[in-house]
C-alpha atoms as a PDB file:
ATOM      1  CA  UNK A   1      44.067 -23.953  -9.050  1.00  0.00           C
ATOM      2  CA  UNK A   2      43.969 -21.060  -6.549  1.00  0.00           C
ATOM      3  CA  UNK A   3      44.095 -18.505  -9.345  1.00  0.00           C
ATOM      4  CA  UNK A   4      41.226 -20.283 -11.072  1.00  0.00           C
ATOM      5  CA  UNK A   5      39.093 -20.287  -7.896  1.00  0.00           C
ATOM      6  CA  UNK A   6      39.793 -16.627  -7.205  1.00  0.00           C
ATOM      7  CA  UNK A   7      38.925 -15.689 -10.787  1.00  0.00           C
ATOM      8  CA  UNK A   8      35.677 -17.643 -10.598  1.00  0.00           C
ATOM      9  CA  UNK A   9      34.784 -15.907  -7.344  1.00  0.00           C
ATOM     10  CA  UNK A  10      35.385 -12.500  -8.956  1.00  0.00           C
ATOM     11  CA  UNK A  11      33.145 -13.453 -11.870  1.00  0.00           C
ATOM     12  CA  UNK A  12      30.469 -14.740  -9.468  1.00  0.00           C
ATOM     13  CA  UNK A  13      30.515 -11.520  -7.419  1.00  0.00           C
ATOM     14  CA  UNK A  14      30.320  -9.385 -10.578  1.00  0.00           C
ATOM     15  CA  UNK A  15      27.353 -11.391 -11.859  1.00  0.00           C
ATOM     16  CA  UNK A  16      25.560 -11.074  -8.492  1.00  0.00           C
ATOM     17  CA  UNK A  17      26.055  -7.303  -8.462  1.00  0.00           C
ATOM     18  CA  UNK A  18      24.734  -7.028 -12.028  1.00  0.00           C
ATOM     19  CA  UNK A  19      21.669  -9.114 -11.191  1.00  0.00           C
ATOM     20  CA  UNK A  20      20.918  -7.022  -8.092  1.00  0.00           C
ATOM     21  CA  UNK A  21      21.184  -3.787 -10.100  1.00  0.00           C
ATOM     22  CA  UNK A  22      18.842  -5.173 -12.759  1.00  0.00           C
ATOM     23  CA  UNK A  23      16.282  -6.225 -10.150  1.00  0.00           C
ATOM     24  CA  UNK A  24      16.400  -2.833  -8.418  1.00  0.00           C
ATOM     25  CA  UNK A  25      15.998  -1.045 -11.751  1.00  0.00           C
ATOM     26  CA  UNK A  26      13.038  -3.200 -12.789  1.00  0.00           C
ATOM     27  CA  UNK A  27      11.310  -2.749  -9.438  1.00  0.00           C
ATOM     28  CA  UNK A  28      11.868   0.996  -9.562  1.00  0.00           C
ATOM     29  CA  UNK A  29      10.217   1.416 -12.946  1.00  0.00           C
ATOM     30  CA  UNK A  30       7.616  -1.310 -12.504  1.00  0.00           C
ATOM     31  CA  UNK A  31       5.924   0.067  -9.421  1.00  0.00           C
ATOM     32  CA  UNK A  32       3.679   3.135  -9.771  1.00  0.00           C
ATOM     33  CA  UNK A  33       5.642   6.267  -9.090  1.00  0.00           C
ATOM     34  CA  UNK A  34       2.943   7.782  -6.852  1.00  0.00           C
ATOM     35  CA  UNK A  35       5.502   9.468  -4.645  1.00  0.00           C
ATOM     36  CA  UNK A  36       6.809  11.401  -7.658  1.00  0.00           C
ATOM     37  CA  UNK A  37       3.369  12.665  -8.654  1.00  0.00           C
ATOM     38  CA  UNK A  38       2.775  16.009  -6.919  1.00  0.00           C
ATOM     39  CA  UNK A  39      -0.421  16.760  -5.039  1.00  0.00           C
ATOM     40  CA  UNK A  40      -2.970  18.300  -7.349  1.00  0.00           C
ATOM     41  CA  UNK A  41      -3.507  22.058  -7.045  1.00  0.00           C
ATOM     42  CA  UNK A  42      -7.074  22.980  -7.938  1.00  0.00           C
ATOM     43  CA  UNK A  43      -7.940  26.643  -8.509  1.00  0.00           C
ATOM     44  CA  UNK A  44     -10.223  28.774  -6.388  1.00  0.00           C
ATOM     45  CA  UNK A  45     -12.984  29.962  -8.720  1.00  0.00           C
ATOM     46  CA  UNK A  46     -14.100  33.547  -8.218  1.00  0.00           C
ATOM     47  CA  UNK A  47     -12.376  33.736  -4.806  1.00  0.00           C
ATOM     48  CA  UNK A  48     -15.349  31.945  -3.265  1.00  0.00           C
ATOM     49  CA  UNK A  49     -14.789  30.914   0.344  1.00  0.00           C
ATOM     50  CA  UNK A  50     -16.254  27.465   1.011  1.00  0.00           C
ATOM     51  CA  UNK A  51     -15.888  27.482   4.795  1.00  0.00           C
ATOM     52  CA  UNK A  52     -19.533  28.426   5.460  1.00  0.00           C
ATOM     53  CA  UNK A  53     -21.140  26.164   2.849  1.00  0.00           C
ATOM     54  CA  UNK A  54     -22.897  23.065   4.140  1.00  0.00           C
ATOM     55  CA  UNK A  55     -22.296  20.235   1.672  1.00  0.00           C
ATOM     56  CA  UNK A  56     -24.035  16.889   2.135  1.00  0.00           C
ATOM     57  CA  UNK A  57     -24.155  13.745   0.020  1.00  0.00           C
ATOM     58  CA  UNK A  58     -27.177  11.637  -0.787  1.00  0.00           C
ATOM     59  CA  UNK A  59     -26.779   8.125   0.593  1.00  0.00           C
ATOM     60  CA  UNK A  60     -27.755   6.669  -2.780  1.00  0.00           C
ATOM     61  CA  UNK A  61     -24.475   7.679  -4.415  1.00  0.00           C
ATOM     62  CA  UNK A  62     -22.180   6.033  -1.852  1.00  0.00           C
ATOM     63  CA  UNK A  63     -21.737   2.967  -4.081  1.00  0.00           C
ATOM     64  CA  UNK A  64     -21.384   5.247  -7.130  1.00  0.00           C
ATOM     65  CA  UNK A  65     -18.399   7.005  -5.561  1.00  0.00           C
ATOM     66  CA  UNK A  66     -16.790   3.724  -4.522  1.00  0.00           C
ATOM     67  CA  UNK A  67     -17.227   2.334  -8.060  1.00  0.00           C
ATOM     68  CA  UNK A  68     -15.673   5.385  -9.704  1.00  0.00           C
ATOM     69  CA  UNK A  69     -12.708   5.194  -7.322  1.00  0.00           C
ATOM     70  CA  UNK A  70     -11.701   1.839  -8.822  1.00  0.00           C
ATOM     71  CA  UNK A  71     -10.891   3.091 -12.336  1.00  0.00           C
ATOM     72  CA  UNK A  72      -8.609   6.111 -12.039  1.00  0.00           C
ATOM     73  CA  UNK A  73      -5.374   6.938 -13.861  1.00  0.00           C
ATOM     74  CA  UNK A  74      -2.698   9.637 -14.065  1.00  0.00           C
ATOM     75  CA  UNK A  75      -1.209  10.920 -17.320  1.00  0.00           C
ATOM     76  CA  UNK A  76       1.728  13.142 -18.100  1.00  0.00           C
ATOM     77  CA  UNK A  77       2.512  15.469 -20.986  1.00  0.00           C
ATOM     78  CA  UNK A  78       5.395  14.066 -23.014  1.00  0.00           C
ATOM     79  CA  UNK A  79       8.648  16.040 -22.964  1.00  0.00           C
ATOM     80  CA  UNK A  80       9.304  18.099 -26.091  1.00  0.00           C
ATOM     81  CA  UNK A  81      12.398  19.078 -27.997  1.00  0.00           C
ATOM     82  CA  UNK A  82      12.406  22.779 -27.167  1.00  0.00           C
ATOM     83  CA  UNK A  83      14.593  23.846 -30.083  1.00  0.00           C
ATOM     84  CA  UNK A  84      12.460  21.940 -32.579  1.00  0.00           C
ATOM     85  CA  UNK A  85       9.257  23.417 -31.160  1.00  0.00           C
ATOM     86  CA  UNK A  86      10.659  26.946 -31.314  1.00  0.00           C
ATOM     87  CA  UNK A  87      11.783  26.370 -34.884  1.00  0.00           C
ATOM     88  CA  UNK A  88       8.289  25.186 -35.816  1.00  0.00           C
ATOM     89  CA  UNK A  89       6.630  28.208 -34.220  1.00  0.00           C
ATOM     90  CA  UNK A  90       9.124  30.498 -35.936  1.00  0.00           C
ATOM     91  CA  UNK A  91       8.361  28.980 -39.337  1.00  0.00           C
ATOM     92  CA  UNK A  92       4.599  29.187 -38.745  1.00  0.00           C
ATOM     93  CA  UNK A  93       4.619  32.903 -38.018  1.00  0.00           C
ATOM     94  CA  UNK A  94       7.863  34.123 -39.617  1.00  0.00           C
ATOM     95  CA  UNK A  95       9.558  35.070 -36.373  1.00  0.00           C
ATOM     96  CA  UNK A  96      12.952  34.257 -34.916  1.00  0.00           C
ATOM     97  CA  UNK A  97      13.254  31.388 -32.448  1.00  0.00           C
ATOM     98  CA  UNK A  98      15.203  33.710 -30.158  1.00  0.00           C
ATOM     99  CA  UNK A  99      12.149  35.989 -29.917  1.00  0.00           C
ATOM    100  CA  UNK A 100      10.058  33.291 -28.248  1.00  0.00           C
ATOM    101  CA  UNK A 101       9.826  33.919 -24.516  1.00  0.00           C
ATOM    102  CA  UNK A 102       9.075  31.711 -21.547  1.00  0.00           C
ATOM    103  CA  UNK A 103       5.591  30.593 -20.583  1.00  0.00           C
ATOM    104  CA  UNK A 104       3.283  31.969 -19.226  1.00  0.00           C
ATOM    105  CA  UNK A 105       4.119  35.636 -19.941  1.00  0.00           C
ATOM    106  CA  UNK A 106       6.144  35.102 -23.096  1.00  0.00           C
ATOM    107  CA  UNK A 107       7.971  37.840 -24.966  1.00  0.00           C
ATOM    108  CA  UNK A 108       6.461  40.944 -26.577  1.00  0.00           C
ATOM    109  CA  UNK A 109       7.779  41.782 -30.042  1.00  0.00           C
ATOM    110  CA  UNK A 110       8.116  45.352 -31.402  1.00  0.00           C
ATOM    111  CA  UNK A 111       4.740  45.079 -33.193  1.00  0.00           C
ATOM    112  CA  UNK A 112       2.967  44.075 -29.964  1.00  0.00           C
ATOM    113  CA  UNK A 113       2.786  40.356 -30.745  1.00  0.00           C
ATOM    114  CA  UNK A 114       3.338  38.105 -27.717  1.00  0.00           C
ATOM    115  CA  UNK A 115       4.749  34.601 -28.018  1.00  0.00           C
ATOM    116  CA  UNK A 116       5.925  32.099 -25.424  1.00  0.00           C
ATOM    117  CA  UNK A 117       6.544  28.427 -24.766  1.00  0.00           C
ATOM    118  CA  UNK A 118       6.783  26.212 -21.680  1.00  0.00           C
ATOM    119  CA  UNK A 119      10.046  24.263 -21.893  1.00  0.00           C
ATOM    120  CA  UNK A 120       8.685  21.520 -19.630  1.00  0.00           C
ATOM    121  CA  UNK A 121       5.264  20.817 -21.135  1.00  0.00           C
ATOM    122  CA  UNK A 122       5.511  22.240 -24.659  1.00  0.00           C
ATOM    123  CA  UNK A 123       2.468  24.497 -24.168  1.00  0.00           C
ATOM    124  CA  UNK A 124       2.833  27.589 -26.324  1.00  0.00           C
ATOM    125  CA  UNK A 125       0.964  30.652 -27.531  1.00  0.00           C
ATOM    126  CA  UNK A 126       1.164  33.280 -30.237  1.00  0.00           C
ATOM    127  CA  UNK A 127      -1.070  36.364 -30.090  1.00  0.00           C
ATOM    128  CA  UNK A 128      -1.076  39.408 -32.301  1.00  0.00           C
ATOM    129  CA  UNK A 129      -2.408  42.643 -30.806  1.00  0.00           C
ATOM    130  CA  UNK A 130      -6.116  43.207 -31.394  1.00  0.00           C
ATOM    131  CA  UNK A 131      -6.791  45.487 -34.344  1.00  0.00           C
ATOM    132  CA  UNK A 132      -9.672  47.695 -33.239  1.00  0.00           C
ATOM    133  CA  UNK A 133      -9.814  49.320 -36.675  1.00  0.00           C
ATOM    134  CA  UNK A 134     -10.291  46.037 -38.541  1.00  0.00           C
ATOM    135  CA  UNK A 135     -12.960  46.195 -41.257  1.00  0.00           C
ATOM    136  CA  UNK A 136     -12.678  42.719 -42.744  1.00  0.00           C
ATOM    137  CA  UNK A 137     -16.263  41.713 -41.992  1.00  0.00           C
ATOM    138  CA  UNK A 138     -17.369  38.806 -39.832  1.00  0.00           C
ATOM    139  CA  UNK A 139     -16.823  35.114 -40.493  1.00  0.00           C
ATOM    140  CA  UNK A 140     -19.588  32.641 -39.845  1.00  0.00           C
ATOM    141  CA  UNK A 141     -18.952  30.127 -37.070  1.00  0.00           C
ATOM    142  CA  UNK A 142     -18.876  27.349 -39.655  1.00  0.00           C
ATOM    143  CA  UNK A 143     -16.203  29.093 -41.722  1.00  0.00           C
ATOM    144  CA  UNK A 144     -14.165  29.862 -38.607  1.00  0.00           C
ATOM    145  CA  UNK A 145     -14.223  26.211 -37.508  1.00  0.00           C
ATOM    146  CA  UNK A 146     -13.222  25.049 -40.983  1.00  0.00           C
ATOM    147  CA  UNK A 147     -10.260  27.469 -41.080  1.00  0.00           C
ATOM    148  CA  UNK A 148      -9.158  26.443 -37.592  1.00  0.00           C
ATOM    149  CA  UNK A 149      -9.331  22.712 -38.325  1.00  0.00           C
ATOM    150  CA  UNK A 150      -7.439  23.173 -41.591  1.00  0.00           C
ATOM    151  CA  UNK A 151      -4.705  25.132 -39.828  1.00  0.00           C
ATOM    152  CA  UNK A 152      -4.339  22.423 -37.170  1.00  0.00           C
ATOM    153  CA  UNK A 153      -4.258  19.656 -39.774  1.00  0.00           C
ATOM    154  CA  UNK A 154      -1.856  21.421 -42.161  1.00  0.00           C
ATOM    155  CA  UNK A 155       0.643  22.085 -39.371  1.00  0.00           C
ATOM    156  CA  UNK A 156       0.226  18.788 -37.508  1.00  0.00           C
ATOM    157  CA  UNK A 157      -0.694  20.498 -34.248  1.00  0.00           C
ATOM    158  CA  UNK A 158      -3.033  17.744 -32.973  1.00  0.00           C
ATOM    159  CA  UNK A 159      -4.899  14.723 -34.404  1.00  0.00           C
ATOM    160  CA  UNK A 160      -8.160  16.083 -35.812  1.00  0.00           C
ATOM    161  CA  UNK A 161     -10.180  13.022 -34.792  1.00  0.00           C
ATOM    162  CA  UNK A 162      -9.209  13.608 -31.142  1.00  0.00           C
ATOM    163  CA  UNK A 163     -10.013  17.338 -31.016  1.00  0.00           C
ATOM    164  CA  UNK A 164     -13.671  16.953 -30.095  1.00  0.00           C
ATOM    165  CA  UNK A 165     -16.435  19.375 -30.992  1.00  0.00           C
ATOM    166  CA  UNK A 166     -15.436  22.986 -31.553  1.00  0.00           C
ATOM    167  CA  UNK A 167     -16.863  25.882 -29.559  1.00  0.00           C
ATOM    168  CA  UNK A 168     -16.780  29.388 -30.994  1.00  0.00           C
ATOM    169  CA  UNK A 169     -16.398  32.601 -29.034  1.00  0.00           C
ATOM    170  CA  UNK A 170     -15.765  36.174 -30.106  1.00  0.00           C
ATOM    171  CA  UNK A 171     -13.552  39.136 -29.340  1.00  0.00           C
ATOM    172  CA  UNK A 172     -15.620  42.247 -29.944  1.00  0.00           C
ATOM    173  CA  UNK A 173     -16.270  45.863 -29.131  1.00  0.00           C
ATOM    174  CA  UNK A 174     -19.544  47.670 -28.522  1.00  0.00           C
ATOM    175  CA  UNK A 175     -22.753  46.251 -27.068  1.00  0.00           C
ATOM    176  CA  UNK A 176     -24.790  43.554 -28.795  1.00  0.00           C
ATOM    177  CA  UNK A 177     -27.937  44.556 -26.904  1.00  0.00           C
ATOM    178  CA  UNK A 178     -27.686  48.080 -28.273  1.00  0.00           C
ATOM    179  CA  UNK A 179     -26.748  46.956 -31.762  1.00  0.00           C
ATOM    180  CA  UNK A 180     -23.263  48.445 -31.578  1.00  0.00           C
ATOM    181  CA  UNK A 181     -21.267  45.249 -31.262  1.00  0.00           C
ATOM    182  CA  UNK A 182     -18.469  44.726 -33.769  1.00  0.00           C
ATOM    183  CA  UNK A 183     -16.819  41.317 -33.883  1.00  0.00           C
ATOM    184  CA  UNK A 184     -13.055  41.609 -34.285  1.00  0.00           C
ATOM    185  CA  UNK A 185     -12.110  37.945 -33.988  1.00  0.00           C
ATOM    186  CA  UNK A 186     -13.655  34.510 -33.902  1.00  0.00           C
ATOM    187  CA  UNK A 187     -11.986  32.262 -31.329  1.00  0.00           C
ATOM    188  CA  UNK A 188     -12.381  28.550 -32.037  1.00  0.00           C
ATOM    189  CA  UNK A 189     -11.832  26.350 -28.981  1.00  0.00           C
ATOM    190  CA  UNK A 190     -11.142  22.626 -28.916  1.00  0.00           C
ATOM    191  CA  UNK A 191     -11.154  20.596 -25.692  1.00  0.00           C
ATOM    192  CA  UNK A 192      -9.687  17.134 -26.373  1.00  0.00           C
ATOM    193  CA  UNK A 193     -10.707  14.317 -24.044  1.00  0.00           C
ATOM    194  CA  UNK A 194      -8.447  11.682 -22.512  1.00  0.00           C
ATOM    195  CA  UNK A 195      -9.764   8.114 -22.326  1.00  0.00           C
ATOM    196  CA  UNK A 196     -13.203   9.447 -23.193  1.00  0.00           C
ATOM    197  CA  UNK A 197     -13.290  11.817 -20.217  1.00  0.00           C
ATOM    198  CA  UNK A 198     -13.216  15.628 -20.136  1.00  0.00           C
ATOM    199  CA  UNK A 199     -10.033  17.440 -19.183  1.00  0.00           C
ATOM    200  CA  UNK A 200     -10.425  20.673 -17.233  1.00  0.00           C
ATOM    201  CA  UNK A 201      -7.724  23.214 -16.514  1.00  0.00           C
ATOM    202  CA  UNK A 202      -5.117  23.957 -19.183  1.00  0.00           C
ATOM    203  CA  UNK A 203      -5.638  21.373 -21.900  1.00  0.00           C
ATOM    204  CA  UNK A 204      -7.102  23.006 -24.980  1.00  0.00           C
ATOM    205  CA  UNK A 205      -6.338  24.531 -28.353  1.00  0.00           C
ATOM    206  CA  UNK A 206      -7.697  27.922 -29.390  1.00  0.00           C
ATOM    207  CA  UNK A 207      -7.322  29.366 -32.878  1.00  0.00           C
ATOM    208  CA  UNK A 208      -8.180  33.073 -33.250  1.00  0.00           C
ATOM    209  CA  UNK A 209      -9.216  34.245 -36.718  1.00  0.00           C
ATOM    210  CA  UNK A 210      -9.722  37.762 -38.055  1.00  0.00           C
ATOM    211  CA  UNK A 211     -12.726  38.810 -40.095  1.00  0.00           C
ATOM    212  CA  UNK A 212     -10.666  38.331 -43.256  1.00  0.00           C
ATOM    213  CA  UNK A 213      -9.859  34.722 -42.332  1.00  0.00           C
ATOM    214  CA  UNK A 214      -6.287  35.302 -41.145  1.00  0.00           C
ATOM    215  CA  UNK A 215      -4.852  33.385 -38.176  1.00  0.00           C
ATOM    216  CA  UNK A 216      -4.060  36.044 -35.558  1.00  0.00           C
ATOM    217  CA  UNK A 217      -3.674  33.929 -32.444  1.00  0.00           C
ATOM    218  CA  UNK A 218      -2.961  30.374 -31.295  1.00  0.00           C
ATOM    219  CA  UNK A 219      -3.059  28.873 -27.815  1.00  0.00           C
ATOM    220  CA  UNK A 220      -1.699  25.349 -28.043  1.00  0.00           C
ATOM    221  CA  UNK A 221      -2.094  24.021 -24.533  1.00  0.00           C
ATOM    222  CA  UNK A 222      -2.936  20.398 -25.456  1.00  0.00           C
ATOM    223  CA  UNK A 223      -0.042  18.128 -26.379  1.00  0.00           C
ATOM    224  CA  UNK A 224       0.856  14.459 -26.582  1.00  0.00           C
ATOM    225  CA  UNK A 225       0.567  12.617 -23.299  1.00  0.00           C
ATOM    226  CA  UNK A 226       1.510   9.239 -21.826  1.00  0.00           C
ATOM    227  CA  UNK A 227       0.015   7.025 -19.132  1.00  0.00           C
ATOM    228  CA  UNK A 228       1.949   7.256 -15.855  1.00  0.00           C
ATOM    229  CA  UNK A 229      -0.169   5.133 -13.506  1.00  0.00           C
ATOM    230  CA  UNK A 230      -3.189   3.063 -14.549  1.00  0.00           C
ATOM    231  CA  UNK A 231      -4.005   1.851 -11.041  1.00  0.00           C
ATOM    232  CA  UNK A 232      -4.521   4.952  -8.919  1.00  0.00           C
ATOM    233  CA  UNK A 233      -6.218   4.490  -5.572  1.00  0.00           C
ATOM    234  CA  UNK A 234      -9.178   6.852  -5.494  1.00  0.00           C
ATOM    235  CA  UNK A 235     -10.981   8.445  -2.576  1.00  0.00           C
ATOM    236  CA  UNK A 236     -13.805   6.301  -1.272  1.00  0.00           C
ATOM    237  CA  UNK A 237     -17.121   7.632   0.013  1.00  0.00           C
ATOM    238  CA  UNK A 238     -15.816   8.368   3.499  1.00  0.00           C
ATOM    239  CA  UNK A 239     -12.721  10.161   2.186  1.00  0.00           C
ATOM    240  CA  UNK A 240     -14.901  12.286  -0.079  1.00  0.00           C
ATOM    241  CA  UNK A 241     -17.101  13.208   2.886  1.00  0.00           C
ATOM    242  CA  UNK A 242     -13.997  14.129   4.890  1.00  0.00           C
ATOM    243  CA  UNK A 243     -12.639  16.335   2.087  1.00  0.00           C
ATOM    244  CA  UNK A 244     -15.982  18.123   1.879  1.00  0.00           C
ATOM    245  CA  UNK A 245     -16.052  18.735   5.635  1.00  0.00           C
ATOM    246  CA  UNK A 246     -12.496  20.103   5.470  1.00  0.00           C
ATOM    247  CA  UNK A 247     -13.355  22.382   2.501  1.00  0.00           C
ATOM    248  CA  UNK A 248     -10.772  20.593   0.388  1.00  0.00           C
ATOM    249  CA  UNK A 249     -12.450  21.183  -2.978  1.00  0.00           C
ATOM    250  CA  UNK A 250     -13.210  23.806  -5.620  1.00  0.00           C
ATOM    251  CA  UNK A 251     -16.747  25.122  -6.108  1.00  0.00           C
ATOM    252  CA  UNK A 252     -17.546  26.311  -9.634  1.00  0.00           C
ATOM    253  CA  UNK A 253     -19.942  29.143  -8.925  1.00  0.00           C
ATOM    254  CA  UNK A 254     -20.061  32.927  -9.030  1.00  0.00           C
ATOM    255  CA  UNK A 255     -22.172  33.154  -5.875  1.00  0.00           C
ATOM    256  CA  UNK A 256     -21.703  31.020  -2.781  1.00  0.00           C
ATOM    257  CA  UNK A 257     -24.848  29.092  -1.718  1.00  0.00           C
ATOM    258  CA  UNK A 258     -25.722  28.303   1.897  1.00  0.00           C
ATOM    259  CA  UNK A 259     -25.897  24.578   1.249  1.00  0.00           C
ATOM    260  CA  UNK A 260     -25.494  21.976  -1.500  1.00  0.00           C
ATOM    261  CA  UNK A 261     -26.890  18.447  -1.699  1.00  0.00           C
ATOM    262  CA  UNK A 262     -24.675  16.239  -3.890  1.00  0.00           C
ATOM    263  CA  UNK A 263     -26.711  13.775  -5.956  1.00  0.00           C
ATOM    264  CA  UNK A 264     -24.300  12.559  -8.672  1.00  0.00           C
ATOM    265  CA  UNK A 265     -20.599  11.972  -9.220  1.00  0.00           C
ATOM    266  CA  UNK A 266     -18.367  11.380 -12.241  1.00  0.00           C
ATOM    267  CA  UNK A 267     -14.633  11.374 -12.825  1.00  0.00           C
ATOM    268  CA  UNK A 268     -12.647  13.603 -15.142  1.00  0.00           C
ATOM    269  CA  UNK A 269      -9.115  14.997 -15.411  1.00  0.00           C
ATOM    270  CA  UNK A 270      -7.486  18.271 -14.451  1.00  0.00           C
ATOM    271  CA  UNK A 271      -4.404  19.689 -16.194  1.00  0.00           C
ATOM    272  CA  UNK A 272      -2.562  22.025 -13.855  1.00  0.00           C
ATOM    273  CA  UNK A 273      -0.997  24.877 -15.885  1.00  0.00           C
ATOM    274  CA  UNK A 274       2.082  24.694 -13.633  1.00  0.00           C
ATOM    275  CA  UNK A 275       2.594  20.949 -13.967  1.00  0.00           C
ATOM    276  CA  UNK A 276       3.093  18.345 -16.679  1.00  0.00           C
ATOM    277  CA  UNK A 277       0.791  15.897 -14.872  1.00  0.00           C
ATOM    278  CA  UNK A 278      -2.858  15.375 -15.789  1.00  0.00           C
ATOM    279  CA  UNK A 279      -4.596  14.004 -12.734  1.00  0.00           C
ATOM    280  CA  UNK A 280      -8.022  12.509 -11.955  1.00  0.00           C
ATOM    281  CA  UNK A 281     -10.713  14.548 -10.224  1.00  0.00           C
ATOM    282  CA  UNK A 282     -14.241  13.887  -9.055  1.00  0.00           C
ATOM    283  CA  UNK A 283     -16.977  16.124 -10.420  1.00  0.00           C
ATOM    284  CA  UNK A 284     -19.669  16.220  -7.741  1.00  0.00           C
ATOM    285  CA  UNK A 285     -22.964  17.723  -8.877  1.00  0.00           C
ATOM    286  CA  UNK A 286     -25.861  18.849  -6.758  1.00  0.00           C
ATOM    287  CA  UNK A 287     -28.537  21.435  -6.019  1.00  0.00           C
ATOM    288  CA  UNK A 288     -28.752  24.429  -3.733  1.00  0.00           C
ATOM    289  CA  UNK A 289     -31.288  24.867  -0.967  1.00  0.00           C
ATOM    290  CA  UNK A 290     -34.019  26.099  -3.323  1.00  0.00           C
ATOM    291  CA  UNK A 291     -33.516  23.113  -5.697  1.00  0.00           C
ATOM    292  CA  UNK A 292     -33.347  25.425  -8.726  1.00  0.00           C
ATOM    293  CA  UNK A 293     -29.643  26.297  -8.788  1.00  0.00           C
ATOM    294  CA  UNK A 294     -27.245  23.569  -9.902  1.00  0.00           C
ATOM    295  CA  UNK A 295     -23.648  23.420  -8.714  1.00  0.00           C
ATOM    296  CA  UNK A 296     -20.622  21.308  -9.443  1.00  0.00           C
ATOM    297  CA  UNK A 297     -17.603  20.681  -7.259  1.00  0.00           C
ATOM    298  CA  UNK A 298     -14.112  19.610  -8.318  1.00  0.00           C
ATOM    299  CA  UNK A 299     -12.175  17.436  -5.914  1.00  0.00           C
ATOM    300  CA  UNK A 300      -8.809  15.715  -6.141  1.00  0.00           C
ATOM    301  CA  UNK A 301      -9.783  12.070  -6.686  1.00  0.00           C
ATOM    302  CA  UNK A 302      -6.536  10.544  -5.478  1.00  0.00           C
ATOM    303  CA  UNK A 303      -6.662   8.987  -2.038  1.00  0.00           C
ATOM    304  CA  UNK A 304      -4.562  10.700   0.587  1.00  0.00           C
END
């Protein structure tokens, strides 16, 4: 009888320990991991000092800020299989996986091509040196977009329906105003949204195409992502006002105004190039003192 009781007690203790471990594990993964999400680092645009700028907020948008603060989320780039990604890049451009360097500087090959990948986020790039003697003519923007989209689709780089509208830029020499400009590349940019909202920072795909239609560069900085926290506490009106008074924001401007009156707010995301997290920001828009210049401010939307 004693042996039976002792055995039952051992089983009971083992079961209790197992249950406690299960509960702790569930609670750990069930609650938002806010403490693990690093504080967002926003860039300083153009080295503009904001200390002497007077920023005020129209009273009419107080409720707008408080409403936006109720629907914020944090996402995270999914981990990648580094060896598989390197193999894919190698097959795309006929290079060895061992030649692919680390992000953001990458590795320079003997022909001047640079290629690199971020082991943590999967962001990668491949850039051939610019050929200043190229004489392949100039592609139309429409043709460049079509080539870029086909390349993305053929190589399963990103879902086409989620790419958004393409924007086309150029790499050129000479001066367009003097009629001496020569376009060397068309650069097709895609800026995918997340949950219908724009993503600033490093979350884009750029395909560079020569005048002959050859792919000469790829920046693949947008990858698959997953929801980390769907119930983020956002800054309320008073916290936003405090952040403005403490110059805790980024002003997107080339010239610093004396004052800005904020008259609208929206939320977006920012992808820090040094982090796998994609975090919510407020985009505060307003006018300068003369009411003709428009400015927008980025601010970490997460409550302190």
